[in-house]
Amino acid sequence: MSELYGNDFYTVTDEQGNEYELEFLETIEFNSQTYMVFLPADMDEEDDDYGVVILKVLYQNEEEILSSIDDDNELDEVFKVFLESVSDDEEE
């Protein structure tokens, strides 16, 4: 994420047609897959229940598509990589 140019926001649509605004945080490469990490744009930072959204990047007809992760183990592993990345950034 480039703080110089401001935040990146994405609008994603779920399978039911609901739209969500997400703030992009980071791209994660893990096990030859690409994932994108977001925060909900409408989150209340004082709410203890907010969390990150991790979506898998897939390609369909050369178009980038963001997909939810159905495998809990995969999601946990990617989340661990994200936490390590955040920890590394804080140390620098």
PDB file of N, CA and C in Angstrom:
ATOM      1  N   MET A   1       0.859  -1.175   0.000  1.00  0.00           N
ATOM      2  CA  MET A   1       0.000   0.000   0.000  1.00  0.00           C
ATOM      3  C   MET A   1       0.893   1.222   0.000  1.00  0.00           C
ATOM      4  N   SER A   2       0.586   2.153  -0.831  1.00  0.00           N
ATOM      5  CA  SER A   2       1.385   3.358  -0.923  1.00  0.00           C
ATOM      6  C   SER A   2       0.721   4.483  -0.142  1.00  0.00           C
ATOM      7  N   GLU A   3       1.327   4.865   0.960  1.00  0.00           N
ATOM      8  CA  GLU A   3       0.778   5.967   1.742  1.00  0.00           C
ATOM      9  C   GLU A   3       0.972   7.290   1.020  1.00  0.00           C
ATOM     10  N   LEU A   4       1.965   7.343   0.127  1.00  0.00           N
ATOM     11  CA  LEU A   4       2.223   8.555  -0.630  1.00  0.00           C
ATOM     12  C   LEU A   4       1.021   8.937  -1.487  1.00  0.00           C
ATOM     13  N   TYR A   5       0.374   7.953  -2.066  1.00  0.00           N
ATOM     14  CA  TYR A   5      -0.744   8.207  -2.969  1.00  0.00           C
ATOM     15  C   TYR A   5      -2.098   8.005  -2.313  1.00  0.00           C
ATOM     16  N   GLY A   6      -2.124   7.698  -1.033  1.00  0.00           N
ATOM     17  CA  GLY A   6      -3.394   7.522  -0.351  1.00  0.00           C
ATOM     18  C   GLY A   6      -3.817   6.069  -0.345  1.00  0.00           C
ATOM     19  N   ASN A   7      -4.971   5.829   0.202  1.00  0.00           N
ATOM     20  CA  ASN A   7      -5.477   4.472   0.342  1.00  0.00           C
ATOM     21  C   ASN A   7      -6.153   3.998  -0.932  1.00  0.00           C
ATOM     22  N   ASP A   8      -6.114   2.688  -1.137  1.00  0.00           N
ATOM     23  CA  ASP A   8      -6.797   2.069  -2.264  1.00  0.00           C
ATOM     24  C   ASP A   8      -8.074   1.426  -1.759  1.00  0.00           C
ATOM     25  N   PHE A   9      -9.172   1.715  -2.416  1.00  0.00           N
ATOM     26  CA  PHE A   9     -10.455   1.148  -2.044  1.00  0.00           C
ATOM     27  C   PHE A   9     -10.992   0.314  -3.198  1.00  0.00           C
ATOM     28  N   TYR A  10     -11.575  -0.819  -2.851  1.00  0.00           N
ATOM     29  CA  TYR A  10     -12.174  -1.720  -3.821  1.00  0.00           C
ATOM     30  C   TYR A  10     -13.636  -1.899  -3.454  1.00  0.00           C
ATOM     31  N   THR A  11     -14.471  -2.014  -4.458  1.00  0.00           N
ATOM     32  CA  THR A  11     -15.857  -2.390  -4.240  1.00  0.00           C
ATOM     33  C   THR A  11     -15.993  -3.813  -4.746  1.00  0.00           C
ATOM     34  N   VAL A  12     -16.398  -4.716  -3.861  1.00  0.00           N
ATOM     35  CA  VAL A  12     -16.587  -6.112  -4.242  1.00  0.00           C
ATOM     36  C   VAL A  12     -18.058  -6.465  -4.101  1.00  0.00           C
ATOM     37  N   THR A  13     -18.485  -7.408  -4.928  1.00  0.00           N
ATOM     38  CA  THR A  13     -19.875  -7.854  -4.929  1.00  0.00           C
ATOM     39  C   THR A  13     -19.898  -9.333  -4.584  1.00  0.00           C
ATOM     40  N   ASP A  14     -20.721  -9.702  -3.603  1.00  0.00           N
ATOM     41  CA  ASP A  14     -20.809 -11.116  -3.231  1.00  0.00           C
ATOM     42  C   ASP A  14     -21.781 -11.844  -4.156  1.00  0.00           C
ATOM     43  N   GLU A  15     -21.955 -13.127  -3.920  1.00  0.00           N
ATOM     44  CA  GLU A  15     -22.792 -13.965  -4.780  1.00  0.00           C
ATOM     45  C   GLU A  15     -24.266 -13.564  -4.750  1.00  0.00           C
ATOM     46  N   GLN A  16     -24.692 -12.865  -3.692  1.00  0.00           N
ATOM     47  CA  GLN A  16     -26.080 -12.411  -3.592  1.00  0.00           C
ATOM     48  C   GLN A  16     -26.278 -11.012  -4.179  1.00  0.00           C
ATOM     49  N   GLY A  17     -25.206 -10.416  -4.712  1.00  0.00           N
ATOM     50  CA  GLY A  17     -25.303  -9.096  -5.313  1.00  0.00           C
ATOM     51  C   GLY A  17     -25.084  -7.943  -4.347  1.00  0.00           C
ATOM     52  N   ASN A  18     -24.726  -8.240  -3.097  1.00  0.00           N
ATOM     53  CA  ASN A  18     -24.447  -7.190  -2.114  1.00  0.00           C
ATOM     54  C   ASN A  18     -23.068  -6.608  -2.374  1.00  0.00           C
ATOM     55  N   GLU A  19     -22.955  -5.286  -2.348  1.00  0.00           N
ATOM     56  CA  GLU A  19     -21.678  -4.619  -2.567  1.00  0.00           C
ATOM     57  C   GLU A  19     -21.052  -4.202  -1.240  1.00  0.00           C
ATOM     58  N   TYR A  20     -19.711  -4.348  -1.187  1.00  0.00           N
ATOM     59  CA  TYR A  20     -18.958  -3.977  -0.002  1.00  0.00           C
ATOM     60  C   TYR A  20     -17.767  -3.133  -0.420  1.00  0.00           C
ATOM     61  N   GLU A  21     -17.502  -2.102   0.344  1.00  0.00           N
ATOM     62  CA  GLU A  21     -16.344  -1.243   0.120  1.00  0.00           C
ATOM     63  C   GLU A  21     -15.233  -1.711   1.059  1.00  0.00           C
ATOM     64  N   LEU A  22     -14.065  -2.024   0.476  1.00  0.00           N
ATOM     65  CA  LEU A  22     -12.936  -2.524   1.261  1.00  0.00           C
ATOM     66  C   LEU A  22     -11.711  -1.664   1.029  1.00  0.00           C
ATOM     67  N   GLU A  23     -10.948  -1.468   2.077  1.00  0.00           N
ATOM     68  CA  GLU A  23      -9.694  -0.725   1.999  1.00  0.00           C
ATOM     69  C   GLU A  23      -8.545  -1.728   1.873  1.00  0.00           C
ATOM     70  N   PHE A  24      -7.777  -1.620   0.797  1.00  0.00           N
ATOM     71  CA  PHE A  24      -6.669  -2.536   0.539  1.00  0.00           C
ATOM     72  C   PHE A  24      -5.530  -2.284   1.519  1.00  0.00           C
ATOM     73  N   LEU A  25      -5.004  -3.373   2.096  1.00  0.00           N
ATOM     74  CA  LEU A  25      -3.873  -3.275   3.015  1.00  0.00           C
ATOM     75  C   LEU A  25      -2.593  -3.838   2.410  1.00  0.00           C
ATOM     76  N   GLU A  26      -2.680  -5.054   1.860  1.00  0.00           N
ATOM     77  CA  GLU A  26      -1.455  -5.720   1.444  1.00  0.00           C
ATOM     78  C   GLU A  26      -1.754  -6.898   0.517  1.00  0.00           C
ATOM     79  N   THR A  27      -0.773  -7.209  -0.327  1.00  0.00           N
ATOM     80  CA  THR A  27      -0.810  -8.417  -1.145  1.00  0.00           C
ATOM     81  C   THR A  27       0.125  -9.440  -0.511  1.00  0.00           C
ATOM     82  N   ILE A  28      -0.349 -10.670  -0.396  1.00  0.00           N
ATOM     83  CA  ILE A  28       0.418 -11.765   0.191  1.00  0.00           C
ATOM     84  C   ILE A  28       0.618 -12.837  -0.878  1.00  0.00           C
ATOM     85  N   GLU A  29       1.856 -13.291  -1.032  1.00  0.00           N
ATOM     86  CA  GLU A  29       2.165 -14.437  -1.885  1.00  0.00           C
ATOM     87  C   GLU A  29       2.415 -15.617  -0.965  1.00  0.00           C
ATOM     88  N   PHE A  30       1.655 -16.710  -1.167  1.00  0.00           N
ATOM     89  CA  PHE A  30       1.789 -17.875  -0.296  1.00  0.00           C
ATOM     90  C   PHE A  30       1.433 -19.131  -1.085  1.00  0.00           C
ATOM     91  N   ASN A  31       2.324 -20.124  -1.059  1.00  0.00           N
ATOM     92  CA  ASN A  31       2.094 -21.397  -1.757  1.00  0.00           C
ATOM     93  C   ASN A  31       1.690 -21.189  -3.218  1.00  0.00           C
ATOM     94  N   SER A  32       2.412 -20.332  -3.906  1.00  0.00           N
ATOM     95  CA  SER A  32       2.195 -20.058  -5.340  1.00  0.00           C
ATOM     96  C   SER A  32       0.831 -19.444  -5.631  1.00  0.00           C
ATOM     97  N   GLN A  33       0.197 -18.861  -4.635  1.00  0.00           N
ATOM     98  CA  GLN A  33      -1.080 -18.178  -4.796  1.00  0.00           C
ATOM     99  C   GLN A  33      -0.926 -16.735  -4.344  1.00  0.00           C
ATOM    100  N   THR A  34      -1.793 -15.879  -4.873  1.00  0.00           N
ATOM    101  CA  THR A  34      -1.804 -14.475  -4.477  1.00  0.00           C
ATOM    102  C   THR A  34      -3.084 -14.197  -3.696  1.00  0.00           C
ATOM    103  N   TYR A  35      -2.919 -13.486  -2.598  1.00  0.00           N
ATOM    104  CA  TYR A  35      -4.047 -13.104  -1.741  1.00  0.00           C
ATOM    105  C   TYR A  35      -3.979 -11.602  -1.508  1.00  0.00           C
ATOM    106  N   MET A  36      -5.133 -10.989  -1.285  1.00  0.00           N
ATOM    107  CA  MET A  36      -5.189  -9.575  -0.966  1.00  0.00           C
ATOM    108  C   MET A  36      -5.882  -9.424   0.390  1.00  0.00           C
ATOM    109  N   VAL A  37      -5.320  -8.543   1.217  1.00  0.00           N
ATOM    110  CA  VAL A  37      -5.842  -8.328   2.560  1.00  0.00           C
ATOM    111  C   VAL A  37      -6.482  -6.938   2.612  1.00  0.00           C
ATOM    112  N   PHE A  38      -7.677  -6.889   3.182  1.00  0.00           N
ATOM    113  CA  PHE A  38      -8.459  -5.661   3.237  1.00  0.00           C
ATOM    114  C   PHE A  38      -9.012  -5.430   4.638  1.00  0.00           C
ATOM    115  N   LEU A  39      -9.435  -4.199   4.859  1.00  0.00           N
ATOM    116  CA  LEU A  39     -10.268  -3.840   6.008  1.00  0.00           C
ATOM    117  C   LEU A  39     -11.604  -3.350   5.465  1.00  0.00           C
ATOM    118  N   PRO A  40     -12.705  -3.668   6.130  1.00  0.00           N
ATOM    119  CA  PRO A  40     -13.983  -3.085   5.706  1.00  0.00           C
ATOM    120  C   PRO A  40     -13.916  -1.569   5.828  1.00  0.00           C
ATOM    121  N   ALA A  41     -14.303  -0.856   4.791  1.00  0.00           N
ATOM    122  CA  ALA A  41     -14.203   0.604   4.779  1.00  0.00           C
ATOM    123  C   ALA A  41     -15.140   1.245   5.800  1.00  0.00           C
ATOM    124  N   ASP A  42     -16.215   0.560   6.131  1.00  0.00           N
ATOM    125  CA  ASP A  42     -17.194   1.142   7.059  1.00  0.00           C
ATOM    126  C   ASP A  42     -17.024   0.660   8.495  1.00  0.00           C
ATOM    127  N   MET A  43     -15.866   0.070   8.798  1.00  0.00           N
ATOM    128  CA  MET A  43     -15.677  -0.472  10.142  1.00  0.00           C
ATOM    129  C   MET A  43     -15.537   0.641  11.173  1.00  0.00           C
ATOM    130  N   ASP A  44     -15.925   0.323  12.375  1.00  0.00           N
ATOM    131  CA  ASP A  44     -15.762   1.223  13.506  1.00  0.00           C
ATOM    132  C   ASP A  44     -14.540   0.740  14.281  1.00  0.00           C
ATOM    133  N   GLU A  45     -13.468   1.522  14.269  1.00  0.00           N
ATOM    134  CA  GLU A  45     -12.217   1.098  14.898  1.00  0.00           C
ATOM    135  C   GLU A  45     -12.346   0.866  16.393  1.00  0.00           C
ATOM    136  N   GLU A  46     -13.388   1.379  17.000  1.00  0.00           N
ATOM    137  CA  GLU A  46     -13.582   1.168  18.429  1.00  0.00           C
ATOM    138  C   GLU A  46     -14.338  -0.128  18.713  1.00  0.00           C
ATOM    139  N   ASP A  47     -14.833  -0.776  17.669  1.00  0.00           N
ATOM    140  CA  ASP A  47     -15.530  -2.048  17.800  1.00  0.00           C
ATOM    141  C   ASP A  47     -14.493  -3.171  17.853  1.00  0.00           C
ATOM    142  N   ASP A  48     -14.492  -3.950  18.906  1.00  0.00           N
ATOM    143  CA  ASP A  48     -13.509  -5.020  19.071  1.00  0.00           C
ATOM    144  C   ASP A  48     -13.723  -6.184  18.101  1.00  0.00           C
ATOM    145  N   ASP A  49     -14.861  -6.242  17.431  1.00  0.00           N
ATOM    146  CA  ASP A  49     -15.179  -7.374  16.564  1.00  0.00           C
ATOM    147  C   ASP A  49     -14.747  -7.190  15.106  1.00  0.00           C
ATOM    148  N   TYR A  50     -14.122  -6.073  14.776  1.00  0.00           N
ATOM    149  CA  TYR A  50     -13.739  -5.895  13.382  1.00  0.00           C
ATOM    150  C   TYR A  50     -12.503  -6.719  13.072  1.00  0.00           C
ATOM    151  N   GLY A  51     -12.337  -7.064  11.815  1.00  0.00           N
ATOM    152  CA  GLY A  51     -11.178  -7.853  11.416  1.00  0.00           C
ATOM    153  C   GLY A  51     -10.871  -7.655   9.954  1.00  0.00           C
ATOM    154  N   VAL A  52      -9.804  -8.266   9.529  1.00  0.00           N
ATOM    155  CA  VAL A  52      -9.393  -8.152   8.138  1.00  0.00           C
ATOM    156  C   VAL A  52     -10.193  -9.120   7.277  1.00  0.00           C
ATOM    157  N   VAL A  53     -10.242  -8.811   5.997  1.00  0.00           N
ATOM    158  CA  VAL A  53     -10.867  -9.660   4.996  1.00  0.00           C
ATOM    159  C   VAL A  53      -9.753 -10.120   4.072  1.00  0.00           C
ATOM    160  N   ILE A  54      -9.619 -11.429   3.894  1.00  0.00           N
ATOM    161  CA  ILE A  54      -8.595 -11.976   3.011  1.00  0.00           C
ATOM    162  C   ILE A  54      -9.299 -12.662   1.847  1.00  0.00           C
ATOM    163  N   LEU A  55      -8.937 -12.241   0.629  1.00  0.00           N
ATOM    164  CA  LEU A  55      -9.521 -12.814  -0.578  1.00  0.00           C
ATOM    165  C   LEU A  55      -8.416 -13.368  -1.462  1.00  0.00           C
ATOM    166  N   LYS A  56      -8.708 -14.478  -2.136  1.00  0.00           N
ATOM    167  CA  LYS A  56      -7.764 -15.104  -3.052  1.00  0.00           C
ATOM    168  C   LYS A  56      -7.926 -14.474  -4.428  1.00  0.00           C
ATOM    169  N   VAL A  57      -6.796 -14.228  -5.101  1.00  0.00           N
ATOM    170  CA  VAL A  57      -6.817 -13.675  -6.445  1.00  0.00           C
ATOM    171  C   VAL A  57      -6.818 -14.840  -7.440  1.00  0.00           C
ATOM    172  N   LEU A  58      -7.843 -14.893  -8.266  1.00  0.00           N
ATOM    173  CA  LEU A  58      -7.948 -15.892  -9.323  1.00  0.00           C
ATOM    174  C   LEU A  58      -7.983 -15.168 -10.659  1.00  0.00           C
ATOM    175  N   TYR A  59      -7.662 -15.875 -11.716  1.00  0.00           N
ATOM    176  CA  TYR A  59      -7.697 -15.272 -13.053  1.00  0.00           C
ATOM    177  C   TYR A  59      -8.652 -16.059 -13.921  1.00  0.00           C
ATOM    178  N   GLN A  60      -9.563 -15.338 -14.546  1.00  0.00           N
ATOM    179  CA  GLN A  60     -10.547 -15.938 -15.430  1.00  0.00           C
ATOM    180  C   GLN A  60     -10.585 -15.113 -16.707  1.00  0.00           C
ATOM    181  N   ASN A  61     -10.226 -15.733 -17.818  1.00  0.00           N
ATOM    182  CA  ASN A  61     -10.144 -15.018 -19.095  1.00  0.00           C
ATOM    183  C   ASN A  61      -9.260 -13.780 -18.975  1.00  0.00           C
ATOM    184  N   GLU A  62      -8.113 -13.961 -18.325  1.00  0.00           N
ATOM    185  CA  GLU A  62      -7.122 -12.905 -18.119  1.00  0.00           C
ATOM    186  C   GLU A  62      -7.636 -11.752 -17.251  1.00  0.00           C
ATOM    187  N   GLU A  63      -8.767 -11.945 -16.595  1.00  0.00           N
ATOM    188  CA  GLU A  63      -9.330 -10.931 -15.708  1.00  0.00           C
ATOM    189  C   GLU A  63      -9.107 -11.364 -14.260  1.00  0.00           C
ATOM    190  N   GLU A  64      -8.673 -10.414 -13.435  1.00  0.00           N
ATOM    191  CA  GLU A  64      -8.441 -10.690 -12.023  1.00  0.00           C
ATOM    192  C   GLU A  64      -9.772 -10.741 -11.281  1.00  0.00           C
ATOM    193  N   ILE A  65      -9.980 -11.844 -10.549  1.00  0.00           N
ATOM    194  CA  ILE A  65     -11.213 -12.024  -9.788  1.00  0.00           C
ATOM    195  C   ILE A  65     -10.830 -12.303  -8.339  1.00  0.00           C
ATOM    196  N   LEU A  66     -11.518 -11.670  -7.410  1.00  0.00           N
ATOM    197  CA  LEU A  66     -11.285 -11.904  -5.986  1.00  0.00           C
ATOM    198  C   LEU A  66     -12.310 -12.911  -5.490  1.00  0.00           C
ATOM    199  N   SER A  67     -11.818 -13.934  -4.797  1.00  0.00           N
ATOM    200  CA  SER A  67     -12.677 -15.017  -4.339  1.00  0.00           C
ATOM    201  C   SER A  67     -12.491 -15.235  -2.840  1.00  0.00           C
ATOM    202  N   SER A  68     -13.567 -15.618  -2.184  1.00  0.00           N
ATOM    203  CA  SER A  68     -13.460 -15.967  -0.767  1.00  0.00           C
ATOM    204  C   SER A  68     -12.669 -17.266  -0.637  1.00  0.00           C
ATOM    205  N   ILE A  69     -12.164 -17.515   0.555  1.00  0.00           N
ATOM    206  CA  ILE A  69     -11.385 -18.721   0.826  1.00  0.00           C
ATOM    207  C   ILE A  69     -12.259 -19.655   1.650  1.00  0.00           C
ATOM    208  N   ASP A  70     -12.601 -20.808   1.075  1.00  0.00           N
ATOM    209  CA  ASP A  70     -13.495 -21.751   1.750  1.00  0.00           C
ATOM    210  C   ASP A  70     -12.773 -22.680   2.716  1.00  0.00           C
ATOM    211  N   ASP A  71     -11.489 -22.880   2.512  1.00  0.00           N
ATOM    212  CA  ASP A  71     -10.702 -23.789   3.338  1.00  0.00           C
ATOM    213  C   ASP A  71     -10.177 -23.037   4.562  1.00  0.00           C
ATOM    214  N   ASP A  72     -10.653 -23.415   5.753  1.00  0.00           N
ATOM    215  CA  ASP A  72     -10.253 -22.728   6.992  1.00  0.00           C
ATOM    216  C   ASP A  72      -8.752 -22.823   7.247  1.00  0.00           C
ATOM    217  N   ASN A  73      -8.142 -23.957   6.918  1.00  0.00           N
ATOM    218  CA  ASN A  73      -6.700 -24.108   7.122  1.00  0.00           C
ATOM    219  C   ASN A  73      -5.918 -23.155   6.227  1.00  0.00           C
ATOM    220  N   GLU A  74      -6.341 -23.050   4.976  1.00  0.00           N
ATOM    221  CA  GLU A  74      -5.696 -22.120   4.046  1.00  0.00           C
ATOM    222  C   GLU A  74      -5.824 -20.689   4.562  1.00  0.00           C
ATOM    223  N   LEU A  75      -7.012 -20.327   5.001  1.00  0.00           N
ATOM    224  CA  LEU A  75      -7.252 -18.980   5.522  1.00  0.00           C
ATOM    225  C   LEU A  75      -6.377 -18.709   6.742  1.00  0.00           C
ATOM    226  N   ASP A  76      -6.281 -19.673   7.651  1.00  0.00           N
ATOM    227  CA  ASP A  76      -5.443 -19.509   8.839  1.00  0.00           C
ATOM    228  C   ASP A  76      -3.978 -19.314   8.464  1.00  0.00           C
ATOM    229  N   GLU A  77      -3.495 -20.091   7.511  1.00  0.00           N
ATOM    230  CA  GLU A  77      -2.092 -19.985   7.097  1.00  0.00           C
ATOM    231  C   GLU A  77      -1.798 -18.625   6.468  1.00  0.00           C
ATOM    232  N   VAL A  78      -2.681 -18.151   5.620  1.00  0.00           N
ATOM    233  CA  VAL A  78      -2.483 -16.845   4.989  1.00  0.00           C
ATOM    234  C   VAL A  78      -2.546 -15.742   6.039  1.00  0.00           C
ATOM    235  N   PHE A  79      -3.449 -15.868   6.997  1.00  0.00           N
ATOM    236  CA  PHE A  79      -3.556 -14.886   8.069  1.00  0.00           C
ATOM    237  C   PHE A  79      -2.259 -14.841   8.885  1.00  0.00           C
ATOM    238  N   LYS A  80      -1.657 -15.998   9.147  1.00  0.00           N
ATOM    239  CA  LYS A  80      -0.382 -16.044   9.871  1.00  0.00           C
ATOM    240  C   LYS A  80       0.714 -15.320   9.094  1.00  0.00           C
ATOM    241  N   VAL A  81       0.744 -15.517   7.777  1.00  0.00           N
ATOM    242  CA  VAL A  81       1.737 -14.827   6.948  1.00  0.00           C
ATOM    243  C   VAL A  81       1.507 -13.320   7.013  1.00  0.00           C
ATOM    244  N   PHE A  82       0.246 -12.896   6.982  1.00  0.00           N
ATOM    245  CA  PHE A  82      -0.083 -11.480   7.091  1.00  0.00           C
ATOM    246  C   PHE A  82       0.390 -10.917   8.435  1.00  0.00           C
ATOM    247  N   LEU A  83       0.130 -11.635   9.531  1.00  0.00           N
ATOM    248  CA  LEU A  83       0.551 -11.168  10.851  1.00  0.00           C
ATOM    249  C   LEU A  83       2.068 -11.049  10.944  1.00  0.00           C
ATOM    250  N   GLU A  84       2.785 -12.002  10.354  1.00  0.00           N
ATOM    251  CA  GLU A  84       4.242 -11.922  10.322  1.00  0.00           C
ATOM    252  C   GLU A  84       4.698 -10.687   9.552  1.00  0.00           C
ATOM    253  N   SER A  85       4.026 -10.405   8.452  1.00  0.00           N
ATOM    254  CA  SER A  85       4.359  -9.241   7.635  1.00  0.00           C
ATOM    255  C   SER A  85       4.137  -7.950   8.412  1.00  0.00           C
ATOM    256  N   VAL A  86       3.033  -7.871   9.131  1.00  0.00           N
ATOM    257  CA  VAL A  86       2.725  -6.689   9.936  1.00  0.00           C
ATOM    258  C   VAL A  86       3.777  -6.529  11.032  1.00  0.00           C
ATOM    259  N   SER A  87       4.136  -7.645  11.660  1.00  0.00           N
ATOM    260  CA  SER A  87       5.144  -7.622  12.719  1.00  0.00           C
ATOM    261  C   SER A  87       6.490  -7.155  12.177  1.00  0.00           C
ATOM    262  N   ASP A  88       6.870  -7.633  10.990  1.00  0.00           N
ATOM    263  CA  ASP A  88       8.121  -7.214  10.347  1.00  0.00           C
ATOM    264  C   ASP A  88       8.101  -5.727  10.048  1.00  0.00           C
ATOM    265  N   ASP A  89       6.961  -5.211   9.562  1.00  0.00           N
ATOM    266  CA  ASP A  89       6.835  -3.782   9.246  1.00  0.00           C
ATOM    267  C   ASP A  89       6.979  -2.931  10.491  1.00  0.00           C
ATOM    268  N   GLU A  90       6.431  -3.392  11.605  1.00  0.00           N
ATOM    269  CA  GLU A  90       6.499  -2.626  12.848  1.00  0.00           C
ATOM    270  C   GLU A  90       7.930  -2.572  13.384  1.00  0.00           C
ATOM    271  N   GLU A  91       8.700  -3.636  13.145  1.00  0.00           N
ATOM    272  CA  GLU A  91      10.077  -3.671  13.611  1.00  0.00           C
ATOM    273  C   GLU A  91      10.962  -2.704  12.828  1.00  0.00           C
ATOM    274  N   GLU A  92      10.608  -2.459  11.574  1.00  0.00           N
ATOM    275  CA  GLU A  92      11.399  -1.526  10.739  1.00  0.00           C
ATOM    276  C   GLU A  92      11.018  -0.141  11.101  1.00  0.00           C
TER     277      GLU A  92
END
